[in-house]
Amino acid sequence: MAESHRPRSLTRRSLILGSSAVLALGPAFAQSVAEVAAYQGPDRMDKLVAAAKWEGRLTLYTATPVDDVNQVIAAFTEKYGIRVTLWRGSSEDVLRRAVTEIKAGRHDVDVVETNGPELEALHREKILQAINSPVAVEIFPLAVPDHKEWVGSRLNIITAAYNTNLVAEKDVPKSWNDLLDPKWNGKIGIESEAYDWLATVVESFPSRDEGLAFFRKLAATNRPSLHKGHPQLANMTASGELPITLQVYLYRVHQMEKEGAPIKALSIGPSIARINGLSVARTTAHPNAAILYQQFTLTDAQEILASRHFTPTNTRRVPFPAGMEVKVISPSGMLDELTAWRETFEKTFR
């Protein structure tokens, strides 16, 4: 998806034509990113689309898997003719790269797409632009922080999973306590940095002390192994390296099931959800294209995300599955308590 840039030198004729285009587009193009983000006139979309097409491109940093994000990019480019340059990394890499570059005065990135805690960290670094978007009222409320500097586009449901070739239906755990059975000794995998998951799951127990006591007992009796990355856990479950894993993304389980892999989601307790969303950099060179891409992801692309087995946040476009109980990880809460929960996790499982 990488695209070439406009020539550095412009002819006199192109400068005149370009100036005419800017004047024709009016305030939506000429204004700052803050003014574009705040504009609420009835012609908002008309101005936004026209100016975004004139800008012609944007750069996206994302933690979303390439196969999935490319589906959204292709639909966006087909609809608006705007080219997207993509850089993909882990959520930690996206955060690190965006902060490092912007603080150093390098303003390549227009849109940042990653997990809620990382987006909240970017907000605290004061490098994101608040956007007063009319689509916000359609979004699951917990996915729209008050400051509006990022908006959740989907929920990453974190679930347990098991290998259907290795775990007989009669042996499938039905409760947390079932995982304490000695037959699962050395056969359970967990994500090595699932601090926010542990914090949120523990709160679903009758008391925090009871939740922590359970996981200490699980660690002592059945010695879960630690592995870096939710995708890695899903792959290890499907390949048979691990009969049971506790933190894989539900969308990936469904994708692998559809591909014929022997993997199935395991429902124990409430569904734990991590918000994933988008933000626009205050330093964006393409404010209209960046805001339009965020808007597209929160509207038209919601059906695309659903077709990829994600859980979209625009509940008017794609309602949540009936009866689904979701406990959402608090992005700001996890930032505030990250050090404490990291220490708790390490003491418990290492």
Protein backbone atom coordinates (compact mmCIF):
# COMPACT_ATOMS: atom_id res chain seq x y z
CA MET A 1 0.00 0.00 0.00
CA ALA A 2 3.01 2.31 0.09
CA GLU A 3 2.56 5.24 -2.26
CA SER A 4 4.85 7.73 -3.98
CA HIS A 5 4.69 11.38 -2.92
CA ARG A 6 3.92 14.44 -5.01
CA PRO A 7 6.87 16.01 -6.83
CA ARG A 8 8.76 18.56 -4.77
CA SER A 9 8.82 21.10 -7.63
CA LEU A 10 5.61 22.53 -9.06
CA THR A 11 5.07 24.33 -12.29
CA ARG A 12 3.54 27.81 -12.31
CA ARG A 13 0.40 26.38 -13.90
CA SER A 14 0.02 23.67 -11.25
CA LEU A 15 0.50 26.24 -8.49
CA ILE A 16 -2.27 28.37 -9.95
CA LEU A 17 -4.55 25.36 -10.32
CA GLY A 18 -3.74 24.21 -6.81
CA SER A 19 -4.49 27.63 -5.36
CA SER A 20 -7.80 27.70 -7.20
CA ALA A 21 -8.68 24.29 -5.80
CA VAL A 22 -7.92 25.43 -2.25
CA LEU A 23 -10.13 28.51 -2.69
CA ALA A 24 -12.91 26.39 -4.14
CA LEU A 25 -12.79 24.02 -1.21
CA GLY A 26 -13.13 26.86 1.26
CA PRO A 27 -12.47 26.71 5.05
CA ALA A 28 -12.46 22.90 5.29
CA PHE A 29 -9.12 22.80 3.48
CA ALA A 30 -7.46 26.01 4.57
CA GLN A 31 -8.10 25.65 8.28
CA SER A 32 -5.84 24.05 10.88
CA VAL A 33 -6.39 20.46 12.01
CA ALA A 34 -8.10 21.76 15.17
CA GLU A 35 -10.55 23.83 13.10
CA VAL A 36 -11.27 20.94 10.74
CA ALA A 37 -11.81 18.62 13.72
CA ALA A 38 -14.24 21.06 15.36
CA TYR A 39 -16.30 21.94 12.26
CA GLN A 40 -19.96 20.92 12.64
CA GLY A 41 -21.69 22.65 9.71
CA PRO A 42 -24.34 20.81 7.68
CA ASP A 43 -21.85 20.53 4.82
CA ARG A 44 -19.19 18.91 7.03
CA MET A 45 -18.88 15.69 5.02
CA ASP A 46 -18.91 17.48 1.66
CA LYS A 47 -16.06 19.76 2.72
CA LEU A 48 -14.17 16.94 4.42
CA VAL A 49 -14.34 14.62 1.42
CA ALA A 50 -13.43 17.32 -1.11
CA ALA A 51 -10.43 18.50 0.93
CA ALA A 52 -9.32 14.94 1.72
CA LYS A 53 -9.34 14.06 -1.97
CA TRP A 54 -7.22 17.11 -2.69
CA GLU A 55 -4.72 16.04 -0.01
CA GLY A 56 -4.76 12.66 -1.72
CA ARG A 57 -2.98 10.52 0.84
CA LEU A 58 -2.35 9.71 4.49
CA THR A 59 0.01 7.60 6.59
CA LEU A 60 -1.37 5.06 9.05
CA TYR A 61 0.53 3.44 11.92
CA THR A 62 -1.40 0.40 13.13
CA ALA A 63 -1.24 -2.63 15.39
CA THR A 64 -4.07 -4.35 13.48
CA PRO A 65 -3.01 -7.48 11.55
CA VAL A 66 -2.09 -6.59 7.97
CA ASP A 67 -4.64 -8.90 6.32
CA ASP A 68 -7.44 -7.29 8.31
CA VAL A 69 -6.45 -3.62 8.04
CA ASN A 70 -5.81 -3.99 4.30
CA GLN A 71 -9.49 -4.86 3.84
CA VAL A 72 -10.45 -1.51 5.36
CA ILE A 73 -7.78 0.40 3.43
CA ALA A 74 -8.86 -1.12 0.11
CA ALA A 75 -12.49 -0.13 0.68
CA PHE A 76 -11.50 3.40 1.77
CA THR A 77 -9.27 3.91 -1.27
CA GLU A 78 -11.92 2.53 -3.61
CA LYS A 79 -14.55 4.90 -2.24
CA TYR A 80 -12.47 8.08 -2.00
CA GLY A 81 -9.41 7.54 -4.19
CA ILE A 82 -7.12 8.42 -1.27
CA ARG A 83 -3.87 6.47 -0.97
CA VAL A 84 -2.82 5.04 2.40
CA THR A 85 0.78 4.38 3.37
CA LEU A 86 0.79 1.65 6.02
CA TRP A 87 3.26 0.88 8.78
CA ARG A 88 2.39 -2.05 11.03
CA GLY A 89 3.91 -3.03 14.37
CA SER A 90 2.98 -4.27 17.83
CA SER A 91 0.94 -1.94 20.04
CA GLU A 92 4.12 -1.12 21.97
CA ASP A 93 6.04 -0.43 18.75
CA VAL A 94 3.29 1.83 17.39
CA LEU A 95 3.26 3.85 20.61
CA ARG A 96 7.05 4.11 20.73
CA ARG A 97 7.44 5.09 17.08
CA ALA A 98 4.68 7.70 17.13
CA VAL A 99 5.95 9.40 20.29
CA THR A 100 9.62 9.28 19.27
CA GLU A 101 9.03 10.73 15.81
CA ILE A 102 6.59 13.45 16.80
CA LYS A 103 8.72 14.59 19.75
CA ALA A 104 11.70 14.75 17.38
CA GLY A 105 9.78 16.97 14.97
CA ARG A 106 9.16 14.28 12.34
CA HIS A 107 5.52 14.41 11.33
CA ASP A 108 5.02 11.42 9.03
CA VAL A 109 2.11 9.78 10.83
CA ASP A 110 -1.45 11.04 10.31
CA VAL A 111 -3.53 8.30 11.96
CA VAL A 112 -2.55 5.99 14.82
CA GLU A 113 -4.56 2.79 15.32
CA THR A 114 -3.79 0.63 18.35
CA ASN A 115 -5.01 -0.59 21.74
CA GLY A 116 -6.84 1.65 24.18
CA PRO A 117 -4.08 1.91 26.83
CA GLU A 118 -1.53 2.93 24.18
CA LEU A 119 -3.96 5.47 22.74
CA GLU A 120 -4.54 6.85 26.22
CA ALA A 121 -0.77 7.10 26.66
CA LEU A 122 -0.59 9.13 23.44
CA HIS A 123 -3.31 11.40 24.82
CA ARG A 124 -1.22 11.99 27.93
CA GLU A 125 1.74 12.86 25.71
CA LYS A 126 -0.47 15.65 24.27
CA ILE A 127 0.12 14.67 20.65
CA LEU A 128 -3.44 13.76 19.61
CA GLN A 129 -6.21 15.93 18.20
CA ALA A 130 -9.68 15.94 19.77
CA ILE A 131 -12.33 15.41 17.08
CA ASN A 132 -15.94 16.50 17.46
CA SER A 133 -17.44 13.82 15.26
CA PRO A 134 -21.21 13.34 14.91
CA VAL A 135 -20.68 9.58 14.67
CA ALA A 136 -19.56 9.43 18.32
CA VAL A 137 -23.18 9.06 19.49
CA GLU A 138 -23.39 5.74 17.62
CA ILE A 139 -20.36 4.24 19.36
CA PHE A 140 -20.40 1.97 22.42
CA PRO A 141 -20.08 4.56 25.24
CA LEU A 142 -17.03 3.00 26.93
CA ALA A 143 -15.16 3.34 23.62
CA VAL A 144 -15.45 7.16 23.55
CA PRO A 145 -13.31 8.87 26.21
CA ASP A 146 -14.46 12.29 27.38
CA HIS A 147 -11.48 14.05 25.80
CA LYS A 148 -12.39 12.59 22.33
CA GLU A 149 -8.77 12.41 21.24
CA TRP A 150 -9.32 8.81 20.17
CA VAL A 151 -12.35 6.61 19.53
CA GLY A 152 -12.65 2.85 19.81
CA SER A 153 -13.50 1.16 16.51
CA ARG A 154 -13.71 -2.41 17.80
CA LEU A 155 -13.46 -4.55 20.90
CA ASN A 156 -10.79 -7.21 21.05
CA ILE A 157 -12.60 -9.92 22.99
CA ILE A 158 -10.07 -11.98 24.95
CA THR A 159 -11.11 -15.57 25.50
CA ALA A 160 -9.72 -18.92 26.54
CA ALA A 161 -9.40 -21.55 23.82
CA TYR A 162 -8.69 -25.24 23.46
CA ASN A 163 -7.49 -27.71 20.84
CA THR A 164 -10.42 -29.92 19.87
CA ASN A 165 -8.11 -32.84 18.96
CA LEU A 166 -6.47 -32.84 22.39
CA VAL A 167 -9.35 -31.96 24.71
CA ALA A 168 -12.38 -34.25 24.63
CA GLU A 169 -15.75 -32.56 24.87
CA LYS A 170 -16.43 -34.19 28.24
CA ASP A 171 -13.16 -32.75 29.60
CA VAL A 172 -13.67 -29.15 28.47
CA PRO A 173 -13.38 -26.91 31.57
CA LYS A 174 -16.65 -25.24 32.50
CA SER A 175 -15.38 -23.05 35.34
CA TRP A 176 -12.20 -21.52 36.70
CA ASN A 177 -11.93 -24.27 39.30
CA ASP A 178 -11.93 -26.92 36.55
CA LEU A 179 -8.54 -25.57 35.50
CA LEU A 180 -7.11 -26.72 38.84
CA ASP A 181 -7.55 -30.38 37.85
CA PRO A 182 -4.08 -32.02 37.93
CA LYS A 183 -4.60 -33.36 34.40
CA TRP A 184 -3.92 -29.82 33.11
CA ASN A 185 -0.51 -29.66 34.78
CA GLY A 186 1.90 -28.09 32.25
CA LYS A 187 -0.82 -27.96 29.57
CA ILE A 188 -2.07 -24.40 29.98
CA GLY A 189 -0.56 -21.39 28.22
CA ILE A 190 -0.92 -17.74 29.19
CA GLU A 191 0.22 -14.48 27.60
CA SER A 192 3.40 -13.29 29.26
CA GLU A 193 2.30 -9.66 29.68
CA ALA A 194 -1.44 -10.05 30.30
CA TYR A 195 -1.42 -7.54 33.14
CA ASP A 196 -4.66 -5.81 32.11
CA TRP A 197 -6.39 -9.16 31.59
CA LEU A 198 -5.46 -10.35 35.08
CA ALA A 199 -6.60 -7.07 36.64
CA THR A 200 -9.97 -7.24 34.91
CA VAL A 201 -10.59 -10.97 35.48
CA VAL A 202 -9.71 -10.71 39.17
CA GLU A 203 -12.36 -8.02 39.57
CA SER A 204 -14.98 -10.50 38.24
CA PHE A 205 -14.46 -12.78 41.24
CA PRO A 206 -16.55 -12.20 44.41
CA SER A 207 -13.54 -10.36 45.84
CA ARG A 208 -10.09 -9.32 44.66
CA ASP A 209 -8.47 -11.50 47.32
CA GLU A 210 -10.40 -14.54 46.12
CA GLY A 211 -9.42 -13.89 42.52
CA LEU A 212 -5.74 -13.48 43.33
CA ALA A 213 -5.81 -16.58 45.52
CA PHE A 214 -7.21 -18.62 42.64
CA PHE A 215 -4.49 -17.59 40.21
CA ARG A 216 -1.77 -18.18 42.79
CA LYS A 217 -3.14 -21.68 43.26
CA LEU A 218 -3.34 -22.26 39.51
CA ALA A 219 0.29 -21.18 39.10
CA ALA A 220 1.46 -23.40 41.96
CA THR A 221 -0.45 -26.54 41.00
CA ASN A 222 -0.56 -26.62 37.20
CA ARG A 223 2.35 -24.35 36.24
CA PRO A 224 0.99 -22.45 33.19
CA SER A 225 3.67 -21.61 30.62
CA LEU A 226 4.22 -18.01 29.50
CA HIS A 227 4.28 -16.98 25.83
CA LYS A 228 4.61 -13.56 24.21
CA GLY A 229 1.66 -12.42 22.09
CA HIS A 230 -2.00 -13.35 21.77
CA PRO A 231 -1.52 -14.48 18.13
CA GLN A 232 1.28 -16.80 19.26
CA LEU A 233 -1.04 -18.39 21.82
CA ALA A 234 -3.71 -18.95 19.17
CA ASN A 235 -1.18 -20.58 16.84
CA MET A 236 0.14 -22.82 19.61
CA THR A 237 -3.39 -23.91 20.49
CA ALA A 238 -4.31 -24.72 16.89
CA SER A 239 -1.03 -26.59 16.29
CA GLY A 240 -1.45 -28.73 19.38
CA GLU A 241 1.56 -27.35 21.26
CA LEU A 242 -0.82 -26.29 24.03
CA PRO A 243 -4.16 -28.00 24.74
CA ILE A 244 -5.55 -24.91 26.55
CA THR A 245 -4.69 -21.20 26.42
CA LEU A 246 -6.28 -18.46 28.49
CA GLN A 247 -5.83 -15.28 26.45
CA VAL A 248 -6.43 -15.40 22.72
CA TYR A 249 -8.45 -12.98 20.64
CA LEU A 250 -11.92 -14.32 19.88
CA TYR A 251 -11.86 -12.98 16.31
CA ARG A 252 -8.70 -15.00 15.61
CA VAL A 253 -10.26 -18.18 17.01
CA HIS A 254 -13.23 -17.73 14.66
CA GLN A 255 -10.94 -17.01 11.70
CA MET A 256 -8.88 -20.15 12.38
CA GLU A 257 -12.02 -22.27 12.89
CA LYS A 258 -13.25 -21.09 9.49
CA GLU A 259 -9.90 -22.14 8.02
CA GLY A 260 -10.38 -25.65 9.46
CA ALA A 261 -8.02 -25.44 12.45
CA PRO A 262 -8.86 -27.63 15.50
CA ILE A 263 -9.44 -24.71 17.85
CA LYS A 264 -12.49 -23.54 19.75
CA ALA A 265 -13.29 -20.72 22.15
CA LEU A 266 -13.64 -21.65 25.79
CA SER A 267 -16.17 -19.64 27.80
CA ILE A 268 -15.11 -19.18 31.42
CA GLY A 269 -16.46 -16.12 33.22
CA PRO A 270 -17.33 -12.86 31.44
CA SER A 271 -15.78 -11.88 28.12
CA ILE A 272 -12.83 -9.57 28.72
CA ALA A 273 -12.58 -6.84 26.08
CA ARG A 274 -9.72 -4.55 25.16
CA ILE A 275 -10.69 -1.46 23.18
CA ASN A 276 -8.86 -0.88 19.90
CA GLY A 277 -9.31 2.45 18.16
CA LEU A 278 -7.99 5.34 16.11
CA SER A 279 -6.57 8.78 16.75
CA VAL A 280 -5.39 11.68 14.58
CA ALA A 281 -2.03 13.30 15.29
CA ARG A 282 -2.09 17.03 16.02
CA THR A 283 0.87 17.31 13.65
CA THR A 284 -0.88 15.60 10.73
CA ALA A 285 -0.02 16.96 7.31
CA HIS A 286 -3.29 15.59 5.93
CA PRO A 287 -5.96 16.55 8.47
CA ASN A 288 -8.97 16.07 6.23
CA ALA A 289 -7.85 12.68 4.93
CA ALA A 290 -6.95 11.55 8.47
CA ILE A 291 -10.30 12.57 9.96
CA LEU A 292 -12.13 11.06 7.00
CA TYR A 293 -10.29 7.75 7.50
CA GLN A 294 -11.29 7.67 11.16
CA GLN A 295 -14.89 8.44 10.20
CA PHE A 296 -14.86 5.70 7.54
CA THR A 297 -13.53 3.14 10.02
CA LEU A 298 -16.30 4.01 12.48
CA THR A 299 -19.05 3.76 9.85
CA ASP A 300 -18.68 1.92 6.52
CA ALA A 301 -15.81 -0.27 7.74
CA GLN A 302 -17.74 -1.60 10.72
CA GLU A 303 -19.38 -4.23 8.52
CA ILE A 304 -15.95 -5.12 7.11
CA LEU A 305 -14.59 -5.62 10.62
CA ALA A 306 -17.61 -7.76 11.52
CA SER A 307 -17.00 -9.93 8.44
CA ARG A 308 -13.47 -10.50 9.78
CA HIS A 309 -15.01 -11.68 13.11
CA PHE A 310 -14.12 -8.54 15.05
CA THR A 311 -16.62 -6.95 17.45
CA PRO A 312 -17.35 -3.43 16.09
CA THR A 313 -18.16 -0.56 18.48
CA ASN A 314 -20.75 1.16 16.28
CA THR A 315 -23.73 -0.64 17.74
CA ARG A 316 -26.15 1.05 15.33
CA ARG A 317 -24.29 -0.44 12.39
CA VAL A 318 -23.49 -3.81 13.97
CA PRO A 319 -25.33 -4.60 17.23
CA PHE A 320 -23.51 -6.64 19.86
CA PRO A 321 -24.38 -10.37 19.82
CA ALA A 322 -27.45 -11.03 21.97
CA GLY A 323 -26.63 -11.98 25.54
CA MET A 324 -22.94 -11.17 25.29
CA GLU A 325 -21.54 -10.13 28.68
CA VAL A 326 -18.51 -7.90 28.21
CA LYS A 327 -16.18 -6.58 30.89
CA VAL A 328 -14.11 -3.81 29.28
CA ILE A 329 -10.53 -3.13 30.33
CA SER A 330 -10.22 0.51 31.38
CA PRO A 331 -7.45 2.16 29.31
CA SER A 332 -6.86 5.01 31.78
CA GLY A 333 -7.23 2.74 34.79
CA MET A 334 -4.63 0.34 33.46
CA LEU A 335 -2.17 3.16 32.80
CA ASP A 336 -2.59 4.36 36.38
CA GLU A 337 -2.22 0.88 37.90
CA LEU A 338 0.06 -0.79 35.36
CA THR A 339 3.13 -0.99 37.59
CA ALA A 340 1.19 -2.58 40.46
CA TRP A 341 -0.51 -5.15 38.23
CA ARG A 342 2.74 -5.97 36.45
CA GLU A 343 4.31 -6.77 39.81
CA THR A 344 1.28 -8.84 40.83
CA PHE A 345 1.37 -10.78 37.56
CA GLU A 346 5.11 -11.46 37.85
CA LYS A 347 4.83 -12.61 41.45
CA THR A 348 1.90 -14.86 40.58
CA PHE A 349 3.12 -16.58 37.43
CA ARG A 350 6.92 -16.38 37.51
